[in-house]
C-alpha cells in the first residue's frame, strides 16, 4: 500500500516550499472491504477515479503508471495476504481528473481522497499485521521527525479516536492540508489519505469509515 510513500512525498514537497453507494453488509460475519471503503456520501465536489476497485485492479493500473511504486505495493500486498487478508478494496476520489492515476507520483492540484480497506480472516490476524507490517501502515521515527519539522502533528493510539492500533498524521501548511490515518478495528485494517480538504473533514470521514466496520 502506498500510504507511507504518499505521506513522505507530501512532507517533502511542503518542506521544500518553505516549511458509489456502499454494499449492504451481510446479515452475518464481517462486512466486505468494499462496503467499508466505498460510500458516495463520504466526500463532496470530487469524482471517483478509474483506479478505484479491488486492490488487484488498483495494482494492475499502478504497474503501468508508476512501476517502482508498484513493486513496493505488490510486495506489501503479498505480505498482507500471507498475514491473513482475504479481501481488499481501494477508492480514489479527485476534484480534477488530472489527479486520477497519479499513484503517488505527483502533487495533487485539487481535492484528493484515497480510502483503503483490508479485511482479514480474524481480528487477531489484523492486529498482528498492523504491528508487524511497518512499511504498510506505520511511519519510521525519521518520517515522524520530518512531519513534525514541517509543522505537522502525529498522534498514535487512543489519542487518535480510532483505537489503540492507529496512527494519524495531519499537516496544514500555507493553505495546503494533509490528513492521513491508518488503523485496525476488528477484522479490518483501513487507511484514509486526503489532501486539499480541511483536516476536520478528513477526521470526520475516518470516523464514518470506522463506523462501517461492525
N, C-alpha and C. Protein backbone atom coordinates (compact mmCIF):
# COMPACT_ATOMS: atom_id res chain seq x y z
N UNK A 1 0.83 -1.20 0.00
CA UNK A 1 0.00 0.00 0.00
C UNK A 1 0.87 1.25 0.00
N UNK A 2 0.48 2.25 -0.74
CA UNK A 2 1.35 3.40 -0.93
C UNK A 2 1.15 4.50 0.11
N UNK A 3 0.47 4.21 1.20
CA UNK A 3 0.16 5.23 2.21
C UNK A 3 1.41 5.93 2.72
N UNK A 4 2.40 5.15 3.15
CA UNK A 4 3.60 5.74 3.72
C UNK A 4 4.33 6.56 2.67
N UNK A 5 4.37 6.05 1.45
CA UNK A 5 5.04 6.76 0.36
C UNK A 5 4.41 8.13 0.15
N UNK A 6 3.09 8.21 0.13
CA UNK A 6 2.42 9.47 -0.15
C UNK A 6 2.66 10.47 0.97
N UNK A 7 2.66 10.00 2.22
CA UNK A 7 2.90 10.91 3.35
C UNK A 7 4.27 11.54 3.23
N UNK A 8 5.28 10.70 3.00
CA UNK A 8 6.65 11.21 2.93
C UNK A 8 6.80 12.15 1.75
N UNK A 9 6.20 11.81 0.61
CA UNK A 9 6.29 12.66 -0.57
C UNK A 9 5.66 14.02 -0.32
N UNK A 10 4.49 14.03 0.31
CA UNK A 10 3.81 15.29 0.59
C UNK A 10 4.61 16.15 1.55
N UNK A 11 5.20 15.52 2.56
CA UNK A 11 6.00 16.28 3.52
C UNK A 11 7.21 16.88 2.82
N UNK A 12 7.82 16.13 1.92
CA UNK A 12 8.99 16.63 1.20
C UNK A 12 8.63 17.85 0.37
N UNK A 13 7.47 17.79 -0.28
CA UNK A 13 7.02 18.92 -1.10
C UNK A 13 6.78 20.15 -0.23
N UNK A 14 6.11 19.97 0.89
CA UNK A 14 5.79 21.09 1.75
C UNK A 14 7.05 21.70 2.37
N UNK A 15 7.98 20.83 2.75
CA UNK A 15 9.21 21.33 3.34
C UNK A 15 10.01 22.12 2.31
N UNK A 16 10.03 21.64 1.08
CA UNK A 16 10.76 22.34 0.03
C UNK A 16 10.16 23.70 -0.26
N UNK A 17 8.87 23.83 -0.02
CA UNK A 17 8.20 25.11 -0.26
C UNK A 17 8.48 26.12 0.84
N UNK A 18 9.01 25.63 1.93
CA UNK A 18 9.33 26.57 3.00
C UNK A 18 8.83 26.08 4.31
N UNK A 19 8.62 25.16 4.51
CA UNK A 19 8.23 24.74 5.82
C UNK A 19 8.03 23.26 5.90
N UNK A 20 -19.63 5.94 -4.85
CA UNK A 20 -20.69 5.00 -5.13
C UNK A 20 -21.38 4.52 -3.92
N UNK A 21 -22.37 4.16 -3.79
CA UNK A 21 -23.10 3.65 -2.64
C UNK A 21 -22.43 2.38 -2.15
N UNK A 22 -22.40 2.21 -0.85
CA UNK A 22 -21.81 1.02 -0.27
C UNK A 22 -22.74 -0.17 -0.38
N UNK A 23 -22.14 -1.36 -0.40
CA UNK A 23 -22.95 -2.57 -0.41
C UNK A 23 -23.58 -2.77 0.95
N UNK A 24 -24.74 -3.39 0.98
CA UNK A 24 -25.38 -3.70 2.24
C UNK A 24 -24.66 -4.87 2.88
N UNK A 25 -24.19 -4.75 4.11
CA UNK A 25 -23.44 -5.82 4.75
C UNK A 25 -24.30 -7.08 4.89
N UNK A 26 -23.65 -8.21 4.85
CA UNK A 26 -24.37 -9.46 5.05
C UNK A 26 -24.89 -9.54 6.47
N UNK A 27 -25.89 -10.37 6.64
CA UNK A 27 -26.54 -10.47 7.95
C UNK A 27 -25.58 -11.03 8.99
N UNK A 28 -24.66 -11.89 8.56
CA UNK A 28 -23.73 -12.49 9.49
C UNK A 28 -22.32 -12.29 8.98
N UNK A 29 -21.37 -12.27 9.90
CA UNK A 29 -19.98 -12.12 9.51
C UNK A 29 -19.61 -10.68 9.26
N UNK A 30 -18.32 -10.43 9.04
CA UNK A 30 -17.85 -9.05 8.82
C UNK A 30 -18.30 -8.53 7.47
N UNK A 31 -18.38 -7.20 7.31
CA UNK A 31 -18.73 -6.62 6.01
C UNK A 31 -17.59 -6.85 5.01
N UNK A 32 -17.87 -6.57 3.76
CA UNK A 32 -16.83 -6.68 2.74
C UNK A 32 -15.92 -5.46 2.82
N UNK A 33 -14.75 -5.59 2.21
CA UNK A 33 -13.84 -4.45 2.15
C UNK A 33 -14.47 -3.30 1.37
N UNK A 34 -15.23 -3.62 0.33
CA UNK A 34 -15.87 -2.58 -0.47
C UNK A 34 -16.90 -1.81 0.35
N UNK A 35 -17.68 -2.50 1.15
CA UNK A 35 -18.72 -1.82 1.92
C UNK A 35 -18.12 -0.90 2.98
N UNK A 36 -16.89 -1.17 3.42
CA UNK A 36 -16.20 -0.30 4.37
C UNK A 36 -15.61 0.90 3.65
N UNK A 37 -14.99 0.67 2.49
CA UNK A 37 -14.26 1.74 1.80
C UNK A 37 -15.14 2.63 0.95
N UNK A 38 -16.20 2.09 0.35
CA UNK A 38 -16.91 2.77 -0.73
C UNK A 38 -18.27 3.30 -0.28
N UNK A 39 -18.40 4.62 -0.24
CA UNK A 39 -19.69 5.24 0.06
C UNK A 39 -19.71 6.61 -0.62
N UNK A 40 -20.66 6.82 -1.52
CA UNK A 40 -20.68 8.03 -2.34
C UNK A 40 -20.92 9.30 -1.54
N UNK A 41 -21.37 9.16 -0.29
CA UNK A 41 -21.64 10.35 0.52
C UNK A 41 -20.43 10.80 1.33
N UNK A 42 -19.32 10.11 1.22
CA UNK A 42 -18.16 10.44 2.05
C UNK A 42 -17.57 11.81 1.71
N UNK A 43 -17.47 12.12 0.43
CA UNK A 43 -16.83 13.37 0.02
C UNK A 43 -17.67 14.09 -1.02
N UNK A 44 -17.65 15.41 -0.99
CA UNK A 44 -18.38 16.20 -1.97
C UNK A 44 -17.40 16.94 -2.89
N UNK A 45 -17.88 17.28 -4.08
CA UNK A 45 -17.06 18.05 -5.00
C UNK A 45 -15.93 17.27 -5.62
N UNK A 46 -16.04 15.93 -5.63
CA UNK A 46 -15.00 15.09 -6.22
C UNK A 46 -15.63 14.01 -7.08
N UNK A 47 -14.82 13.38 -7.92
CA UNK A 47 -15.27 12.28 -8.76
C UNK A 47 -14.48 11.02 -8.43
N UNK A 48 -15.09 9.87 -8.64
CA UNK A 48 -14.39 8.62 -8.39
C UNK A 48 -13.43 8.34 -9.55
N UNK A 49 -12.19 7.98 -9.22
CA UNK A 49 -11.18 7.74 -10.25
C UNK A 49 -11.22 6.30 -10.75
N UNK A 50 -10.76 6.07 -11.99
CA UNK A 50 -10.83 4.74 -12.60
C UNK A 50 -10.05 3.67 -11.85
N UNK A 51 -9.02 4.05 -11.11
CA UNK A 51 -8.24 3.05 -10.39
C UNK A 51 -8.96 2.49 -9.17
N UNK A 52 -10.12 3.03 -8.84
CA UNK A 52 -10.90 2.51 -7.72
C UNK A 52 -11.36 1.09 -8.02
N UNK A 53 -11.42 0.27 -6.99
CA UNK A 53 -11.89 -1.09 -7.16
C UNK A 53 -11.12 -2.04 -6.27
N UNK A 54 -11.06 -3.30 -6.66
CA UNK A 54 -10.29 -4.27 -5.88
C UNK A 54 -8.83 -3.85 -5.84
N UNK A 55 -8.12 -4.30 -4.83
CA UNK A 55 -6.71 -3.91 -4.74
C UNK A 55 -5.90 -4.50 -5.89
N UNK A 56 -6.30 -5.67 -6.36
CA UNK A 56 -5.62 -6.25 -7.53
C UNK A 56 -5.79 -5.35 -8.75
N UNK A 57 -7.00 -4.79 -8.93
CA UNK A 57 -7.24 -3.88 -10.04
C UNK A 57 -6.40 -2.61 -9.89
N UNK A 58 -6.34 -2.11 -8.68
CA UNK A 58 -5.54 -0.91 -8.38
C UNK A 58 -4.07 -1.14 -8.74
N UNK A 59 -3.55 -2.29 -8.33
CA UNK A 59 -2.15 -2.60 -8.61
C UNK A 59 -1.90 -2.76 -10.10
N UNK A 60 -2.84 -3.36 -10.81
CA UNK A 60 -2.67 -3.55 -12.25
C UNK A 60 -2.51 -2.21 -12.96
N UNK A 61 -3.31 -1.22 -12.55
CA UNK A 61 -3.20 0.10 -13.17
C UNK A 61 -1.95 0.83 -12.71
N UNK A 62 -1.57 0.63 -11.46
CA UNK A 62 -0.37 1.27 -10.95
C UNK A 62 0.88 0.76 -11.67
N UNK A 63 0.86 -0.50 -12.07
CA UNK A 63 2.03 -1.10 -12.70
C UNK A 63 2.48 -0.34 -13.94
N UNK A 64 1.52 0.17 -14.71
CA UNK A 64 1.87 0.90 -15.93
C UNK A 64 2.19 2.37 -15.67
N UNK A 65 1.63 2.93 -14.59
CA UNK A 65 1.80 4.36 -14.32
C UNK A 65 3.01 4.65 -13.43
N UNK A 66 3.29 3.78 -12.48
CA UNK A 66 4.39 4.01 -11.55
C UNK A 66 5.01 2.65 -11.18
N UNK A 67 5.81 2.09 -12.08
CA UNK A 67 6.35 0.74 -11.87
C UNK A 67 7.15 0.56 -10.58
N UNK A 68 7.93 1.56 -10.21
CA UNK A 68 8.74 1.42 -9.00
C UNK A 68 7.87 1.35 -7.75
N UNK A 69 6.82 2.18 -7.69
CA UNK A 69 5.92 2.11 -6.54
C UNK A 69 5.10 0.83 -6.58
N UNK A 70 4.76 0.37 -7.78
CA UNK A 70 4.04 -0.90 -7.92
C UNK A 70 4.83 -2.04 -7.30
N UNK A 71 6.14 -2.06 -7.53
CA UNK A 71 6.97 -3.14 -6.99
C UNK A 71 6.87 -3.20 -5.47
N UNK A 72 6.87 -2.02 -4.83
CA UNK A 72 6.75 -1.96 -3.37
C UNK A 72 5.36 -2.38 -2.92
N UNK A 73 4.34 -1.83 -3.57
CA UNK A 73 2.97 -2.11 -3.16
C UNK A 73 2.58 -3.56 -3.42
N UNK A 74 3.08 -4.13 -4.52
CA UNK A 74 2.79 -5.52 -4.83
C UNK A 74 3.38 -6.45 -3.77
N UNK A 75 4.60 -6.16 -3.36
CA UNK A 75 5.22 -6.96 -2.30
C UNK A 75 4.44 -6.82 -0.99
N UNK A 76 4.04 -5.57 -0.67
CA UNK A 76 3.25 -5.36 0.54
C UNK A 76 1.97 -6.18 0.50
N UNK A 77 1.31 -6.20 -0.67
CA UNK A 77 0.05 -6.93 -0.81
C UNK A 77 0.28 -8.43 -0.61
N UNK A 78 1.39 -8.94 -1.14
CA UNK A 78 1.72 -10.35 -0.94
C UNK A 78 1.90 -10.64 0.55
N UNK A 79 2.60 -9.76 1.25
CA UNK A 79 2.81 -9.93 2.69
C UNK A 79 1.50 -9.84 3.47
N UNK A 80 0.64 -8.90 3.08
CA UNK A 80 -0.63 -8.72 3.78
C UNK A 80 -1.51 -9.94 3.59
N UNK A 81 -1.53 -10.50 2.38
CA UNK A 81 -2.32 -11.72 2.15
C UNK A 81 -1.76 -12.89 2.95
N UNK A 82 -0.45 -12.98 3.03
CA UNK A 82 0.18 -14.05 3.80
C UNK A 82 -0.17 -13.93 5.29
N UNK A 83 -0.41 -12.70 5.73
CA UNK A 83 -0.76 -12.46 7.14
C UNK A 83 -2.24 -12.73 7.43
N UNK A 84 -3.03 -13.03 6.38
CA UNK A 84 -4.42 -13.41 6.61
C UNK A 84 -5.46 -12.54 5.94
N UNK A 85 -5.07 -11.58 5.10
CA UNK A 85 -6.07 -10.75 4.42
C UNK A 85 -6.74 -11.56 3.31
N UNK A 86 -8.07 -11.46 3.24
CA UNK A 86 -8.82 -12.20 2.22
C UNK A 86 -9.70 -11.30 1.37
N UNK A 87 -9.60 -9.99 1.55
CA UNK A 87 -10.42 -9.06 0.77
C UNK A 87 -9.82 -7.66 0.91
N UNK A 88 -9.77 -6.91 -0.18
CA UNK A 88 -9.22 -5.56 -0.12
C UNK A 88 -9.87 -4.70 -1.19
N UNK A 89 -10.04 -3.43 -0.88
CA UNK A 89 -10.70 -2.51 -1.81
C UNK A 89 -10.09 -1.13 -1.64
N UNK A 90 -10.04 -0.39 -2.76
CA UNK A 90 -9.48 0.96 -2.78
C UNK A 90 -10.45 1.89 -3.48
N UNK A 91 -10.66 3.07 -2.89
CA UNK A 91 -11.45 4.12 -3.53
C UNK A 91 -10.59 5.36 -3.63
N UNK A 92 -10.54 5.95 -4.81
CA UNK A 92 -9.79 7.19 -5.02
C UNK A 92 -10.76 8.24 -5.57
N UNK A 93 -10.82 9.39 -4.90
CA UNK A 93 -11.66 10.50 -5.34
C UNK A 93 -10.76 11.68 -5.66
N UNK A 94 -11.07 12.40 -6.74
CA UNK A 94 -10.29 13.59 -7.09
C UNK A 94 -11.21 14.69 -7.59
N UNK A 95 -10.87 15.91 -7.25
CA UNK A 95 -11.62 17.05 -7.76
C UNK A 95 -11.33 17.25 -9.25
N UNK A 96 -10.07 17.06 -9.63
CA UNK A 96 -9.65 17.23 -11.02
C UNK A 96 -9.27 15.87 -11.61
N UNK A 97 -9.76 15.58 -12.80
CA UNK A 97 -9.48 14.28 -13.41
C UNK A 97 -7.99 14.06 -13.63
N UNK A 98 -7.24 15.15 -13.78
CA UNK A 98 -5.79 15.03 -13.98
C UNK A 98 -5.08 14.47 -12.76
N UNK A 99 -5.73 14.51 -11.59
CA UNK A 99 -5.14 13.96 -10.38
C UNK A 99 -5.42 12.48 -10.22
N UNK A 100 -6.27 11.91 -11.07
CA UNK A 100 -6.50 10.47 -11.05
C UNK A 100 -5.29 9.76 -11.66
N UNK A 101 -5.05 8.54 -11.22
CA UNK A 101 -3.98 7.74 -11.80
C UNK A 101 -2.58 8.24 -11.52
N UNK A 102 -2.40 9.05 -10.49
CA UNK A 102 -1.06 9.56 -10.18
C UNK A 102 -0.23 8.54 -9.41
N UNK A 103 -0.88 7.76 -8.55
CA UNK A 103 -0.21 6.71 -7.79
C UNK A 103 1.01 7.24 -7.04
N UNK A 104 0.83 8.40 -6.41
CA UNK A 104 1.89 8.96 -5.58
C UNK A 104 2.99 9.64 -6.35
N UNK A 105 2.87 9.74 -7.68
CA UNK A 105 3.95 10.29 -8.49
C UNK A 105 3.87 11.80 -8.67
N UNK A 106 2.77 12.43 -8.25
CA UNK A 106 2.62 13.87 -8.44
C UNK A 106 1.99 14.52 -7.24
N UNK A 107 1.98 15.84 -7.23
CA UNK A 107 1.35 16.59 -6.16
C UNK A 107 -0.07 16.97 -6.61
N UNK A 108 -1.10 16.64 -5.82
CA UNK A 108 -2.48 16.93 -6.23
C UNK A 108 -2.70 18.42 -6.46
N UNK A 109 -3.46 18.74 -7.51
CA UNK A 109 -3.78 20.13 -7.81
C UNK A 109 -5.09 20.57 -7.18
N UNK A 110 -5.89 19.62 -6.75
CA UNK A 110 -7.18 19.91 -6.11
C UNK A 110 -7.45 18.91 -5.00
N UNK A 111 -8.70 18.81 -4.60
CA UNK A 111 -9.07 17.86 -3.57
C UNK A 111 -8.74 16.44 -4.01
N UNK A 112 -8.20 15.67 -3.09
CA UNK A 112 -7.88 14.27 -3.37
C UNK A 112 -8.13 13.45 -2.11
N UNK A 113 -8.79 12.32 -2.26
CA UNK A 113 -9.05 11.43 -1.13
C UNK A 113 -8.86 9.99 -1.57
N UNK A 114 -8.18 9.23 -0.74
CA UNK A 114 -7.97 7.81 -1.01
C UNK A 114 -8.34 7.02 0.23
N UNK A 115 -9.07 5.93 0.02
CA UNK A 115 -9.51 5.08 1.12
C UNK A 115 -9.10 3.65 0.80
N UNK A 116 -8.43 3.01 1.74
CA UNK A 116 -8.02 1.61 1.60
C UNK A 116 -8.68 0.80 2.71
N UNK A 117 -9.19 -0.38 2.37
CA UNK A 117 -9.75 -1.29 3.39
C UNK A 117 -9.23 -2.70 3.12
N UNK A 118 -8.68 -3.32 4.14
CA UNK A 118 -8.18 -4.69 4.05
C UNK A 118 -8.89 -5.53 5.11
N UNK A 119 -9.61 -6.55 4.67
CA UNK A 119 -10.27 -7.45 5.62
C UNK A 119 -9.41 -8.68 5.83
N UNK A 120 -9.31 -9.09 7.10
CA UNK A 120 -8.53 -10.27 7.46
C UNK A 120 -9.45 -11.40 7.91
N UNK A 121 -8.89 -12.58 8.04
CA UNK A 121 -9.68 -13.74 8.43
C UNK A 121 -10.21 -13.62 9.85
N UNK A 122 -9.52 -12.87 10.69
CA UNK A 122 -9.98 -12.63 12.06
C UNK A 122 -9.27 -11.40 12.61
N UNK A 123 -9.75 -10.94 13.77
CA UNK A 123 -9.22 -9.70 14.35
C UNK A 123 -7.78 -9.86 14.82
N UNK A 124 -7.41 -11.05 15.29
CA UNK A 124 -6.04 -11.23 15.76
C UNK A 124 -5.04 -11.14 14.60
N UNK A 125 -5.44 -11.64 13.43
CA UNK A 125 -4.58 -11.52 12.25
C UNK A 125 -4.41 -10.06 11.83
N UNK A 126 -5.51 -9.31 11.89
CA UNK A 126 -5.46 -7.89 11.53
C UNK A 126 -4.58 -7.12 12.51
N UNK A 127 -4.75 -7.39 13.80
CA UNK A 127 -3.95 -6.69 14.81
C UNK A 127 -2.49 -7.06 14.69
N UNK A 128 -2.22 -8.34 14.45
CA UNK A 128 -0.84 -8.78 14.30
C UNK A 128 -0.17 -8.15 13.10
N UNK A 129 -0.89 -8.06 11.99
CA UNK A 129 -0.31 -7.46 10.80
C UNK A 129 -0.05 -5.97 11.00
N UNK A 130 -0.96 -5.28 11.68
CA UNK A 130 -0.76 -3.85 11.93
C UNK A 130 0.54 -3.62 12.69
N UNK A 131 0.82 -4.47 13.64
CA UNK A 131 2.01 -4.29 14.47
C UNK A 131 3.29 -4.71 13.77
N UNK A 132 3.18 -5.62 12.81
CA UNK A 132 4.37 -6.16 12.17
C UNK A 132 4.72 -5.46 10.87
N UNK A 133 3.71 -5.18 10.04
CA UNK A 133 3.97 -4.64 8.71
C UNK A 133 4.17 -3.12 8.77
N UNK A 134 5.30 -2.69 9.29
CA UNK A 134 5.53 -1.27 9.49
C UNK A 134 5.59 -0.50 8.18
N UNK A 135 6.04 -1.14 7.10
CA UNK A 135 6.15 -0.44 5.83
C UNK A 135 4.77 -0.04 5.29
N UNK A 136 3.76 -0.85 5.59
CA UNK A 136 2.44 -0.59 5.04
C UNK A 136 1.65 0.41 5.86
N UNK A 137 1.73 0.32 7.18
CA UNK A 137 0.80 1.08 8.00
C UNK A 137 1.44 2.00 9.03
N UNK A 138 2.74 2.02 9.11
CA UNK A 138 3.36 2.86 10.13
C UNK A 138 4.33 3.84 9.49
N UNK A 139 4.86 4.71 10.30
CA UNK A 139 5.89 5.65 9.88
C UNK A 139 7.13 5.44 10.73
N UNK A 140 8.28 5.56 10.12
CA UNK A 140 9.53 5.43 10.86
C UNK A 140 9.73 6.66 11.74
N UNK A 141 10.68 6.56 12.66
CA UNK A 141 10.99 7.70 13.52
C UNK A 141 11.44 8.90 12.69
N UNK A 142 12.19 8.65 11.61
CA UNK A 142 12.66 9.75 10.76
C UNK A 142 11.50 10.40 10.01
N UNK A 143 10.50 9.58 9.62
CA UNK A 143 9.31 10.13 8.97
C UNK A 143 8.56 11.06 9.93
N UNK A 144 8.38 10.59 11.16
CA UNK A 144 7.69 11.39 12.16
C UNK A 144 8.42 12.70 12.40
N UNK A 145 9.74 12.63 12.49
CA UNK A 145 10.54 13.85 12.72
C UNK A 145 10.37 14.83 11.57
N UNK A 146 10.35 14.31 10.32
CA UNK A 146 10.20 15.18 9.15
C UNK A 146 8.83 15.85 9.15
N UNK A 147 7.81 15.11 9.51
CA UNK A 147 6.46 15.66 9.55
C UNK A 147 6.36 16.75 10.61
N UNK A 148 6.90 16.47 11.78
CA UNK A 148 6.84 17.45 12.86
C UNK A 148 7.67 18.68 12.54
N UNK A 149 8.81 18.48 11.86
CA UNK A 149 9.65 19.61 11.46
C UNK A 149 8.93 20.52 10.47
N UNK A 150 8.03 19.94 9.68
CA UNK A 150 7.25 20.72 8.72
C UNK A 150 6.02 21.33 9.35
N UNK A 151 5.86 21.16 10.68
CA UNK A 151 4.73 21.75 11.39
C UNK A 151 3.55 20.82 11.53
N UNK A 152 3.75 19.54 11.21
CA UNK A 152 2.65 18.58 11.28
C UNK A 152 2.49 17.99 12.67
N UNK A 153 1.39 17.27 12.83
CA UNK A 153 1.07 16.62 14.09
C UNK A 153 0.94 15.11 13.86
N UNK A 154 1.50 14.33 14.76
CA UNK A 154 1.40 12.87 14.70
C UNK A 154 0.78 12.38 16.01
N UNK A 155 -0.32 11.64 15.89
CA UNK A 155 -0.96 11.04 17.06
C UNK A 155 -0.98 9.52 16.87
N UNK A 156 -0.85 8.81 17.98
CA UNK A 156 -0.90 7.36 17.92
C UNK A 156 -1.75 6.82 19.05
N UNK A 157 -2.39 5.66 18.80
CA UNK A 157 -3.17 5.00 19.84
C UNK A 157 -4.46 5.72 20.17
N UNK A 158 -4.85 5.65 21.43
CA UNK A 158 -6.14 6.18 21.88
C UNK A 158 -6.34 7.65 21.53
N UNK A 159 -5.26 8.41 21.42
CA UNK A 159 -5.37 9.85 21.14
C UNK A 159 -5.98 10.12 19.77
N UNK A 160 -5.96 9.15 18.87
CA UNK A 160 -6.50 9.36 17.52
C UNK A 160 -8.01 9.25 17.47
N UNK A 161 -8.61 8.58 18.45
CA UNK A 161 -10.04 8.33 18.43
C UNK A 161 -10.41 7.14 17.56
N UNK A 162 -9.40 6.43 17.04
CA UNK A 162 -9.64 5.30 16.15
C UNK A 162 -9.17 3.97 16.75
N UNK A 163 -8.87 3.97 18.03
CA UNK A 163 -8.47 2.73 18.70
C UNK A 163 -6.99 2.67 19.02
N UNK A 164 -6.61 1.64 19.74
CA UNK A 164 -5.23 1.51 20.20
C UNK A 164 -4.25 1.29 19.05
N UNK A 165 -4.67 0.54 18.05
CA UNK A 165 -3.81 0.30 16.90
C UNK A 165 -4.12 1.33 15.81
N UNK A 166 -3.56 2.49 15.94
CA UNK A 166 -3.87 3.57 14.99
C UNK A 166 -2.80 4.64 15.01
N UNK A 167 -2.70 5.34 13.89
CA UNK A 167 -1.80 6.49 13.79
C UNK A 167 -2.44 7.51 12.86
N UNK A 168 -2.37 8.78 13.24
CA UNK A 168 -2.96 9.87 12.46
C UNK A 168 -1.92 10.95 12.25
N UNK A 169 -1.79 11.39 11.03
CA UNK A 169 -0.87 12.47 10.67
C UNK A 169 -1.70 13.61 10.09
N UNK A 170 -1.46 14.82 10.54
CA UNK A 170 -2.15 15.97 9.96
C UNK A 170 -1.15 17.11 9.78
N UNK A 171 -1.34 17.84 8.69
CA UNK A 171 -0.42 18.92 8.34
C UNK A 171 -1.18 20.01 7.61
N UNK A 172 -1.04 21.23 8.07
CA UNK A 172 -1.68 22.39 7.43
C UNK A 172 -0.60 23.43 7.21
N UNK A 173 -0.21 23.61 5.96
CA UNK A 173 0.92 24.48 5.66
C UNK A 173 0.54 25.44 4.54
N UNK A 174 0.44 26.72 4.86
CA UNK A 174 0.15 27.76 3.88
C UNK A 174 -1.03 27.40 2.97
N UNK A 175 -2.10 26.92 3.60
CA UNK A 175 -3.32 26.62 2.87
C UNK A 175 -3.39 25.23 2.27
N UNK A 176 -2.29 24.48 2.31
CA UNK A 176 -2.29 23.10 1.83
C UNK A 176 -2.45 22.17 3.02
N UNK A 177 -3.44 21.30 2.96
CA UNK A 177 -3.72 20.43 4.08
C UNK A 177 -3.49 18.97 3.70
N UNK A 178 -3.10 18.19 4.69
CA UNK A 178 -2.89 16.75 4.53
C UNK A 178 -3.39 16.06 5.79
N UNK A 179 -4.23 15.06 5.61
CA UNK A 179 -4.69 14.24 6.74
C UNK A 179 -4.56 12.78 6.34
N UNK A 180 -3.87 12.01 7.16
CA UNK A 180 -3.66 10.59 6.89
C UNK A 180 -3.93 9.81 8.17
N UNK A 181 -4.71 8.75 8.06
CA UNK A 181 -4.98 7.89 9.21
C UNK A 181 -4.84 6.43 8.80
N UNK A 182 -4.19 5.64 9.64
CA UNK A 182 -4.10 4.18 9.48
C UNK A 182 -4.61 3.57 10.77
N UNK A 183 -5.43 2.55 10.68
CA UNK A 183 -5.89 1.93 11.92
C UNK A 183 -6.38 0.51 11.69
N UNK A 184 -6.48 -0.22 12.81
CA UNK A 184 -7.01 -1.58 12.80
C UNK A 184 -8.22 -1.63 13.74
N UNK A 185 -9.29 -2.22 13.24
CA UNK A 185 -10.51 -2.38 14.01
C UNK A 185 -11.13 -3.72 13.64
N UNK A 186 -11.27 -4.60 14.62
CA UNK A 186 -11.81 -5.93 14.40
C UNK A 186 -11.03 -6.65 13.30
N UNK A 187 -11.73 -7.12 12.25
CA UNK A 187 -11.06 -7.88 11.19
C UNK A 187 -10.44 -6.99 10.12
N UNK A 188 -10.45 -5.70 10.33
CA UNK A 188 -10.03 -4.77 9.28
C UNK A 188 -8.82 -3.92 9.65
N UNK A 189 -8.04 -3.61 8.60
CA UNK A 189 -7.10 -2.51 8.63
C UNK A 189 -7.59 -1.52 7.59
N UNK A 190 -7.57 -0.26 7.91
CA UNK A 190 -8.08 0.76 6.99
C UNK A 190 -7.13 1.94 6.99
N UNK A 191 -7.18 2.67 5.89
CA UNK A 191 -6.37 3.88 5.76
C UNK A 191 -7.13 4.91 4.96
N UNK A 192 -6.96 6.16 5.31
CA UNK A 192 -7.54 7.27 4.55
C UNK A 192 -6.47 8.33 4.38
N UNK A 193 -6.36 8.85 3.17
CA UNK A 193 -5.41 9.91 2.86
C UNK A 193 -6.16 11.00 2.14
N UNK A 194 -6.16 12.20 2.67
CA UNK A 194 -6.84 13.31 2.00
C UNK A 194 -5.91 14.51 1.95
N UNK A 195 -5.95 15.23 0.83
CA UNK A 195 -5.17 16.46 0.70
C UNK A 195 -6.04 17.52 0.06
N UNK A 196 -5.74 18.76 0.43
CA UNK A 196 -6.51 19.92 -0.03
C UNK A 196 -7.97 19.85 0.40
N UNK A 197 -8.20 19.17 1.50
CA UNK A 197 -9.51 19.06 2.15
C UNK A 197 -9.29 19.41 3.61
N UNK A 198 -10.17 20.18 4.25
CA UNK A 198 -9.96 20.53 5.65
C UNK A 198 -9.67 19.31 6.53
N UNK A 199 -8.71 19.46 7.42
CA UNK A 199 -8.32 18.37 8.30
C UNK A 199 -9.51 17.86 9.12
N UNK A 200 -10.38 18.77 9.54
CA UNK A 200 -11.54 18.34 10.31
C UNK A 200 -12.46 17.44 9.48
N UNK A 201 -12.54 17.71 8.18
CA UNK A 201 -13.35 16.86 7.30
C UNK A 201 -12.70 15.49 7.16
N UNK A 202 -11.38 15.46 7.04
CA UNK A 202 -10.69 14.18 6.94
C UNK A 202 -10.91 13.34 8.18
N UNK A 203 -10.82 13.97 9.35
CA UNK A 203 -11.03 13.24 10.60
C UNK A 203 -12.46 12.72 10.70
N UNK A 204 -13.42 13.53 10.26
CA UNK A 204 -14.83 13.11 10.29
C UNK A 204 -15.06 11.92 9.38
N UNK A 205 -14.41 11.92 8.21
CA UNK A 205 -14.57 10.81 7.27
C UNK A 205 -13.93 9.54 7.82
N UNK A 206 -12.79 9.66 8.49
CA UNK A 206 -12.18 8.49 9.10
C UNK A 206 -13.11 7.86 10.12
N UNK A 207 -13.79 8.70 10.89
CA UNK A 207 -14.76 8.20 11.87
C UNK A 207 -15.92 7.50 11.18
N UNK A 208 -16.41 8.05 10.06
CA UNK A 208 -17.50 7.43 9.32
C UNK A 208 -17.08 6.07 8.75
N UNK A 209 -15.90 6.03 8.19
CA UNK A 209 -15.40 4.78 7.64
C UNK A 209 -15.25 3.73 8.75
N UNK A 210 -14.72 4.16 9.87
CA UNK A 210 -14.54 3.25 11.01
C UNK A 210 -15.89 2.71 11.50
N UNK A 211 -16.93 3.54 11.42
CA UNK A 211 -18.26 3.12 11.90
C UNK A 211 -18.87 2.04 11.00
N UNK A 212 -18.36 1.91 9.76
CA UNK A 212 -18.88 0.89 8.86
C UNK A 212 -18.25 -0.49 9.14
N UNK A 213 -17.29 -0.53 10.03
CA UNK A 213 -16.71 -1.81 10.46
C UNK A 213 -17.50 -2.28 11.66
N UNK A 214 -18.24 -3.35 11.52
CA UNK A 214 -19.09 -3.81 12.63
C UNK A 214 -19.23 -5.31 12.64
